[in-house]
PDB file of N, CA and C in Angstrom:
ATOM      1  N   MET A   1       0.483  53.975  36.970  1.00  0.00           N
ATOM      2  CA  MET A   1       0.066  54.225  35.601  1.00  0.00           C
ATOM      3  C   MET A   1      -0.756  53.022  35.129  1.00  0.00           C
ATOM      4  N   ASN A   2      -1.929  53.301  34.592  1.00  0.00           N
ATOM      5  CA  ASN A   2      -2.778  52.223  34.110  1.00  0.00           C
ATOM      6  C   ASN A   2      -2.737  52.141  32.578  1.00  0.00           C
ATOM      7  N   THR A   3      -3.436  51.183  32.042  1.00  0.00           N
ATOM      8  CA  THR A   3      -3.391  50.923  30.608  1.00  0.00           C
ATOM      9  C   THR A   3      -3.952  52.092  29.793  1.00  0.00           C
ATOM     10  N   SER A   4      -5.015  52.702  30.278  1.00  0.00           N
ATOM     11  CA  SER A   4      -5.602  53.808  29.514  1.00  0.00           C
ATOM     12  C   SER A   4      -4.657  55.010  29.461  1.00  0.00           C
ATOM     13  N   SER A   5      -3.934  55.279  30.536  1.00  0.00           N
ATOM     14  CA  SER A   5      -2.966  56.380  30.521  1.00  0.00           C
ATOM     15  C   SER A   5      -1.851  56.108  29.523  1.00  0.00           C
ATOM     16  N   ILE A   6      -1.410  54.878  29.462  1.00  0.00           N
ATOM     17  CA  ILE A   6      -0.363  54.509  28.505  1.00  0.00           C
ATOM     18  C   ILE A   6      -0.869  54.657  27.073  1.00  0.00           C
ATOM     19  N   PHE A   7      -2.098  54.205  26.829  1.00  0.00           N
ATOM     20  CA  PHE A   7      -2.685  54.316  25.493  1.00  0.00           C
ATOM     21  C   PHE A   7      -2.818  55.776  25.065  1.00  0.00           C
ATOM     22  N   TRP A   8      -3.418  56.606  25.949  1.00  0.00           N
ATOM     23  CA  TRP A   8      -3.597  58.020  25.612  1.00  0.00           C
ATOM     24  C   TRP A   8      -2.268  58.726  25.466  1.00  0.00           C
ATOM     25  N   GLY A   9      -1.310  58.377  26.309  1.00  0.00           N
ATOM     26  CA  GLY A   9       0.021  58.976  26.193  1.00  0.00           C
ATOM     27  C   GLY A   9       0.681  58.635  24.869  1.00  0.00           C
ATOM     28  N   PHE A  10       0.534  57.386  24.438  1.00  0.00           N
ATOM     29  CA  PHE A  10       1.079  56.977  23.146  1.00  0.00           C
ATOM     30  C   PHE A  10       0.385  57.709  22.001  1.00  0.00           C
ATOM     31  N   LEU A  11      -0.929  57.832  22.086  1.00  0.00           N
ATOM     32  CA  LEU A  11      -1.698  58.508  21.037  1.00  0.00           C
ATOM     33  C   LEU A  11      -1.319  59.987  20.939  1.00  0.00           C
ATOM     34  N   PHE A  12      -1.251  60.663  22.072  1.00  0.00           N
ATOM     35  CA  PHE A  12      -0.879  62.077  22.053  1.00  0.00           C
ATOM     36  C   PHE A  12       0.581  62.256  21.655  1.00  0.00           C
ATOM     37  N   GLY A  13       1.424  61.316  21.998  1.00  0.00           N
ATOM     38  CA  GLY A  13       2.819  61.374  21.562  1.00  0.00           C
ATOM     39  C   GLY A  13       2.950  61.244  20.054  1.00  0.00           C
ATOM     40  N   ALA A  14       2.111  60.399  19.455  1.00  0.00           N
ATOM     41  CA  ALA A  14       2.125  60.250  18.000  1.00  0.00           C
ATOM     42  C   ALA A  14       1.657  61.535  17.316  1.00  0.00           C
ATOM     43  N   PHE A  15       0.586  62.136  17.840  1.00  0.00           N
ATOM     44  CA  PHE A  15       0.143  63.424  17.309  1.00  0.00           C
ATOM     45  C   PHE A  15       1.224  64.478  17.503  1.00  0.00           C
ATOM     46  N   GLY A  16       1.875  64.444  18.646  1.00  0.00           N
ATOM     47  CA  GLY A  16       2.935  65.401  18.935  1.00  0.00           C
ATOM     48  C   GLY A  16       4.091  65.286  17.970  1.00  0.00           C
ATOM     49  N   LEU A  17       4.465  64.069  17.643  1.00  0.00           N
ATOM     50  CA  LEU A  17       5.543  63.869  16.675  1.00  0.00           C
ATOM     51  C   LEU A  17       5.152  64.435  15.317  1.00  0.00           C
ATOM     52  N   GLY A  18       3.910  64.225  14.914  1.00  0.00           N
ATOM     53  CA  GLY A  18       3.433  64.776  13.647  1.00  0.00           C
ATOM     54  C   GLY A  18       3.456  66.294  13.635  1.00  0.00           C
ATOM     55  N   PHE A  19       2.962  66.903  14.703  1.00  0.00           N
ATOM     56  CA  PHE A  19       2.995  68.373  14.801  1.00  0.00           C
ATOM     57  C   PHE A  19       4.425  68.891  14.842  1.00  0.00           C
ATOM     58  N   PHE A  20       5.292  68.197  15.567  1.00  0.00           N
ATOM     59  CA  PHE A  20       6.681  68.630  15.680  1.00  0.00           C
ATOM     60  C   PHE A  20       7.384  68.605  14.324  1.00  0.00           C
ATOM     61  N   VAL A  21       7.226  67.532  13.583  1.00  0.00           N
ATOM     62  CA  VAL A  21       7.859  67.426  12.262  1.00  0.00           C
ATOM     63  C   VAL A  21       7.282  68.461  11.308  1.00  0.00           C
ATOM     64  N   TYR A  22       5.965  68.647  11.337  1.00  0.00           N
ATOM     65  CA  TYR A  22       5.335  69.658  10.483  1.00  0.00           C
ATOM     66  C   TYR A  22       5.839  71.052  10.831  1.00  0.00           C
ATOM     67  N   GLY A  23       5.873  71.378  12.125  1.00  0.00           N
ATOM     68  CA  GLY A  23       6.332  72.693  12.551  1.00  0.00           C
ATOM     69  C   GLY A  23       7.783  72.946  12.208  1.00  0.00           C
ATOM     70  N   LYS A  24       8.603  71.905  12.279  1.00  0.00           N
ATOM     71  CA  LYS A  24      10.017  72.057  11.946  1.00  0.00           C
ATOM     72  C   LYS A  24      10.207  72.296  10.450  1.00  0.00           C
ATOM     73  N   LYS A  25       9.492  71.536   9.625  1.00  0.00           N
ATOM     74  CA  LYS A  25       9.643  71.683   8.170  1.00  0.00           C
ATOM     75  C   LYS A  25       9.057  73.000   7.666  1.00  0.00           C
ATOM     76  N   GLN A  26       7.948  73.431   8.250  1.00  0.00           N
ATOM     77  CA  GLN A  26       7.295  74.662   7.808  1.00  0.00           C
ATOM     78  C   GLN A  26       7.807  75.897   8.545  1.00  0.00           C
ATOM     79  N   ARG A  27       8.685  75.683   9.502  1.00  0.00           N
ATOM     80  CA  ARG A  27       9.208  76.762  10.359  1.00  0.00           C
ATOM     81  C   ARG A  27       8.074  77.537  11.019  1.00  0.00           C
ATOM     82  N   ALA A  28       7.105  76.778  11.524  1.00  0.00           N
ATOM     83  CA  ALA A  28       5.954  77.340  12.235  1.00  0.00           C
ATOM     84  C   ALA A  28       6.127  77.055  13.728  1.00  0.00           C
ATOM     85  N   VAL A  29       6.088  78.097  14.518  1.00  0.00           N
ATOM     86  CA  VAL A  29       6.391  77.970  15.943  1.00  0.00           C
ATOM     87  C   VAL A  29       5.278  77.252  16.711  1.00  0.00           C
ATOM     88  N   VAL A  30       4.012  77.585  16.426  1.00  0.00           N
ATOM     89  CA  VAL A  30       2.900  77.039  17.204  1.00  0.00           C
ATOM     90  C   VAL A  30       2.821  75.516  17.077  1.00  0.00           C
ATOM     91  N   PRO A  31       2.815  74.913  15.884  1.00  0.00           N
ATOM     92  CA  PRO A  31       2.784  73.457  15.818  1.00  0.00           C
ATOM     93  C   PRO A  31       4.033  72.807  16.418  1.00  0.00           C
ATOM     94  N   LEU A  32       5.165  73.458  16.288  1.00  0.00           N
ATOM     95  CA  LEU A  32       6.403  72.925  16.845  1.00  0.00           C
ATOM     96  C   LEU A  32       6.318  72.839  18.362  1.00  0.00           C
ATOM     97  N   VAL A  33       5.880  73.903  19.000  1.00  0.00           N
ATOM     98  CA  VAL A  33       5.778  73.927  20.463  1.00  0.00           C
ATOM     99  C   VAL A  33       4.672  72.998  20.950  1.00  0.00           C
ATOM    100  N   CYS A  34       3.539  72.985  20.267  1.00  0.00           N
ATOM    101  CA  CYS A  34       2.449  72.086  20.658  1.00  0.00           C
ATOM    102  C   CYS A  34       2.856  70.629  20.488  1.00  0.00           C
ATOM    103  N   GLY A  35       3.582  70.329  19.438  1.00  0.00           N
ATOM    104  CA  GLY A  35       4.071  68.969  19.243  1.00  0.00           C
ATOM    105  C   GLY A  35       5.025  68.541  20.338  1.00  0.00           C
ATOM    106  N   LEU A  36       5.917  69.427  20.714  1.00  0.00           N
ATOM    107  CA  LEU A  36       6.843  69.127  21.804  1.00  0.00           C
ATOM    108  C   LEU A  36       6.090  68.932  23.115  1.00  0.00           C
ATOM    109  N   ALA A  37       5.109  69.793  23.362  1.00  0.00           N
ATOM    110  CA  ALA A  37       4.311  69.666  24.581  1.00  0.00           C
ATOM    111  C   ALA A  37       3.505  68.367  24.582  1.00  0.00           C
ATOM    112  N   LEU A  38       2.952  67.981  23.421  1.00  0.00           N
ATOM    113  CA  LEU A  38       2.188  66.740  23.337  1.00  0.00           C
ATOM    114  C   LEU A  38       3.060  65.509  23.581  1.00  0.00           C
ATOM    115  N   MET A  39       4.315  65.586  23.209  1.00  0.00           N
ATOM    116  CA  MET A  39       5.206  64.443  23.440  1.00  0.00           C
ATOM    117  C   MET A  39       5.670  64.357  24.885  1.00  0.00           C
ATOM    118  N   VAL A  40       5.711  65.483  25.592  1.00  0.00           N
ATOM    119  CA  VAL A  40       6.300  65.500  26.929  1.00  0.00           C
ATOM    120  C   VAL A  40       5.263  65.430  28.050  1.00  0.00           C
ATOM    121  N   PHE A  41       4.116  66.088  27.897  1.00  0.00           N
ATOM    122  CA  PHE A  41       3.205  66.228  29.018  1.00  0.00           C
ATOM    123  C   PHE A  41       2.626  64.917  29.560  1.00  0.00           C
ATOM    124  N   PRO A  42       2.455  63.832  28.789  1.00  0.00           N
ATOM    125  CA  PRO A  42       1.910  62.612  29.391  1.00  0.00           C
ATOM    126  C   PRO A  42       2.792  62.015  30.500  1.00  0.00           C
ATOM    127  N   TYR A  43       4.057  62.364  30.534  1.00  0.00           N
ATOM    128  CA  TYR A  43       4.931  61.865  31.587  1.00  0.00           C
ATOM    129  C   TYR A  43       4.616  62.487  32.939  1.00  0.00           C
ATOM    130  N   PHE A  44       3.968  63.642  32.947  1.00  0.00           N
ATOM    131  CA  PHE A  44       3.747  64.378  34.182  1.00  0.00           C
ATOM    132  C   PHE A  44       2.301  64.347  34.671  1.00  0.00           C
ATOM    133  N   ILE A  45       1.364  63.843  33.883  1.00  0.00           N
ATOM    134  CA  ILE A  45      -0.050  63.824  34.250  1.00  0.00           C
ATOM    135  C   ILE A  45      -0.466  62.378  34.535  1.00  0.00           C
ATOM    136  N   ALA A  46      -0.957  62.120  35.749  1.00  0.00           N
ATOM    137  CA  ALA A  46      -1.354  60.767  36.119  1.00  0.00           C
ATOM    138  C   ALA A  46      -2.854  60.530  35.937  1.00  0.00           C
ATOM    139  N   ASN A  47      -3.661  61.563  36.033  1.00  0.00           N
ATOM    140  CA  ASN A  47      -5.102  61.440  35.912  1.00  0.00           C
ATOM    141  C   ASN A  47      -5.480  61.310  34.434  1.00  0.00           C
ATOM    142  N   THR A  48      -6.225  60.264  34.091  1.00  0.00           N
ATOM    143  CA  THR A  48      -6.554  59.987  32.693  1.00  0.00           C
ATOM    144  C   THR A  48      -7.465  61.052  32.099  1.00  0.00           C
ATOM    145  N   ILE A  49      -8.447  61.502  32.850  1.00  0.00           N
ATOM    146  CA  ILE A  49      -9.374  62.514  32.325  1.00  0.00           C
ATOM    147  C   ILE A  49      -8.635  63.826  32.068  1.00  0.00           C
ATOM    148  N   LEU A  50      -7.778  64.221  32.986  1.00  0.00           N
ATOM    149  CA  LEU A  50      -6.991  65.434  32.800  1.00  0.00           C
ATOM    150  C   LEU A  50      -6.027  65.278  31.624  1.00  0.00           C
ATOM    151  N   LEU A  51      -5.485  64.086  31.451  1.00  0.00           N
ATOM    152  CA  LEU A  51      -4.597  63.795  30.329  1.00  0.00           C
ATOM    153  C   LEU A  51      -5.316  64.006  28.995  1.00  0.00           C
ATOM    154  N   VAL A  52      -6.528  63.508  28.896  1.00  0.00           N
ATOM    155  CA  VAL A  52      -7.303  63.637  27.658  1.00  0.00           C
ATOM    156  C   VAL A  52      -7.690  65.091  27.407  1.00  0.00           C
ATOM    157  N   VAL A  53      -8.111  65.802  28.449  1.00  0.00           N
ATOM    158  CA  VAL A  53      -8.528  67.199  28.286  1.00  0.00           C
ATOM    159  C   VAL A  53      -7.358  68.064  27.822  1.00  0.00           C
ATOM    160  N   ILE A  54      -6.213  67.920  28.466  1.00  0.00           N
ATOM    161  CA  ILE A  54      -5.042  68.708  28.085  1.00  0.00           C
ATOM    162  C   ILE A  54      -4.569  68.322  26.683  1.00  0.00           C
ATOM    163  N   GLY A  55      -4.584  67.031  26.373  1.00  0.00           N
ATOM    164  CA  GLY A  55      -4.158  66.579  25.054  1.00  0.00           C
ATOM    165  C   GLY A  55      -5.031  67.109  23.940  1.00  0.00           C
ATOM    166  N   VAL A  56      -6.329  67.073  24.131  1.00  0.00           N
ATOM    167  CA  VAL A  56      -7.248  67.591  23.115  1.00  0.00           C
ATOM    168  C   VAL A  56      -7.059  69.102  22.952  1.00  0.00           C
ATOM    169  N   ALA A  57      -6.851  69.801  24.060  1.00  0.00           N
ATOM    170  CA  ALA A  57      -6.616  71.249  23.981  1.00  0.00           C
ATOM    171  C   ALA A  57      -5.327  71.550  23.216  1.00  0.00           C
ATOM    172  N   LEU A  58      -4.271  70.780  23.466  1.00  0.00           N
ATOM    173  CA  LEU A  58      -3.012  71.008  22.758  1.00  0.00           C
ATOM    174  C   LEU A  58      -3.115  70.664  21.272  1.00  0.00           C
ATOM    175  N   ILE A  59      -3.932  69.691  20.947  1.00  0.00           N
ATOM    176  CA  ILE A  59      -4.140  69.363  19.535  1.00  0.00           C
ATOM    177  C   ILE A  59      -4.940  70.460  18.834  1.00  0.00           C
ATOM    178  N   ALA A  60      -5.868  71.102  19.552  1.00  0.00           N
ATOM    179  CA  ALA A  60      -6.731  72.124  18.945  1.00  0.00           C
ATOM    180  C   ALA A  60      -6.034  73.471  18.804  1.00  0.00           C
ATOM    181  N   ILE A  61      -5.038  73.741  19.604  1.00  0.00           N
ATOM    182  CA  ILE A  61      -4.387  75.067  19.589  1.00  0.00           C
ATOM    183  C   ILE A  61      -3.864  75.467  18.211  1.00  0.00           C
ATOM    184  N   PRO A  62      -3.169  74.610  17.453  1.00  0.00           N
ATOM    185  CA  PRO A  62      -2.650  75.064  16.145  1.00  0.00           C
ATOM    186  C   PRO A  62      -3.728  75.476  15.139  1.00  0.00           C
ATOM    187  N   TRP A  63      -4.954  74.983  15.304  1.00  0.00           N
ATOM    188  CA  TRP A  63      -6.012  75.368  14.380  1.00  0.00           C
ATOM    189  C   TRP A  63      -6.592  76.736  14.712  1.00  0.00           C
ATOM    190  N   PHE A  64      -6.455  77.168  15.961  1.00  0.00           N
ATOM    191  CA  PHE A  64      -7.023  78.445  16.373  1.00  0.00           C
ATOM    192  C   PHE A  64      -5.987  79.559  16.474  1.00  0.00           C
ATOM    193  N   VAL A  65      -4.727  79.212  16.684  1.00  0.00           N
ATOM    194  CA  VAL A  65      -3.674  80.214  16.835  1.00  0.00           C
ATOM    195  C   VAL A  65      -2.785  80.152  15.600  1.00  0.00           C
ATOM    196  N   LYS A  66      -2.807  81.196  14.827  1.00  0.00           N
ATOM    197  CA  LYS A  66      -1.985  81.268  13.613  1.00  0.00           C
ATOM    198  C   LYS A  66      -0.970  82.396  13.783  1.00  0.00           C
ATOM    199  N   ILE A  67       0.269  82.025  14.022  1.00  0.00           N
ATOM    200  CA  ILE A  67       1.330  83.035  14.173  1.00  0.00           C
ATOM    201  C   ILE A  67       2.331  82.856  13.051  1.00  0.00           C
TER     202      ILE A  67
END
C-alpha cells in the first residue's frame, strides 16, 4: 500500500461516513449502502486508479438513483 492509496482510502472513507449518517437519519437505502461501500472497499482494492474510479462511481450513485 502506498501513500496515494492511503490518502484516497481516507478521503472515500470520509465521504462514506457522511453518506452513511445521512442515509441512516433520512432512512434512505441508497446513500446508506453507498456510504457503507465507500468505507469498506478501499481495504480490498490495491490499484490506485481503480480505487479512484470505483470511489467516484460510488459517490455519484446517490445522485442518479433515487429509491
